[in-house]
Protein backbone atom coordinates (compact mmCIF):
# COMPACT_ATOMS: atom_id res chain seq x y z
CA MET A 1 47.40 62.05 -41.61
CA LYS A 2 50.96 60.88 -42.19
CA ASN A 3 52.42 58.19 -39.90
CA LYS A 4 54.96 59.58 -37.46
CA LYS A 5 57.49 57.34 -35.73
CA VAL A 6 57.85 58.00 -32.03
CA ASN A 7 60.46 56.48 -29.77
CA ILE A 8 59.08 55.13 -26.53
CA PRO A 9 61.56 55.22 -23.64
CA PRO A 10 62.42 51.93 -21.91
CA ASN A 11 60.74 50.92 -18.64
CA VAL A 12 57.52 52.89 -19.14
CA VAL A 13 53.84 52.12 -19.62
CA ALA A 14 52.67 53.81 -22.82
CA VAL A 15 49.10 53.75 -24.17
CA GLY A 16 46.82 55.30 -26.74
CA VAL A 17 46.82 56.59 -30.27
CA PRO A 18 48.91 58.65 -30.46
CA CYS A 19 51.00 56.77 -27.93
CA LYS A 20 51.76 58.66 -24.73
CA VAL A 21 53.77 57.66 -21.67
CA LYS A 22 51.44 57.00 -18.75
CA ARG A 23 54.04 56.23 -16.06
CA GLU A 24 57.41 54.64 -15.35
CA ILE A 25 57.70 50.99 -14.38
CA THR A 26 58.96 50.92 -10.79
CA GLU A 27 60.98 48.33 -8.90
CA ASN A 28 57.76 47.44 -7.07
CA ASP A 29 56.12 46.58 -10.41
CA LYS A 30 59.00 44.24 -11.22
CA THR A 31 58.43 42.24 -8.01
CA THR A 32 54.62 42.30 -8.16
CA TYR A 33 53.88 41.00 -11.66
CA GLU A 34 54.62 37.39 -12.66
CA MET A 35 55.96 38.46 -16.06
CA TYR A 36 59.06 39.91 -14.42
CA THR A 37 59.64 37.15 -11.86
CA GLY A 38 59.79 34.37 -14.43
CA GLU A 39 56.89 32.47 -12.83
CA TYR A 40 54.50 32.57 -15.78
């Protein structure tokens, strides 16, 4: 199988092979996870 480049939209959670968008990252995600708050 030939490699195919796929653009992944910003602010989404994408998983798998082939990569598929699972869901959008919400404002609630940005306040819940340390990675986005700068506290890591």
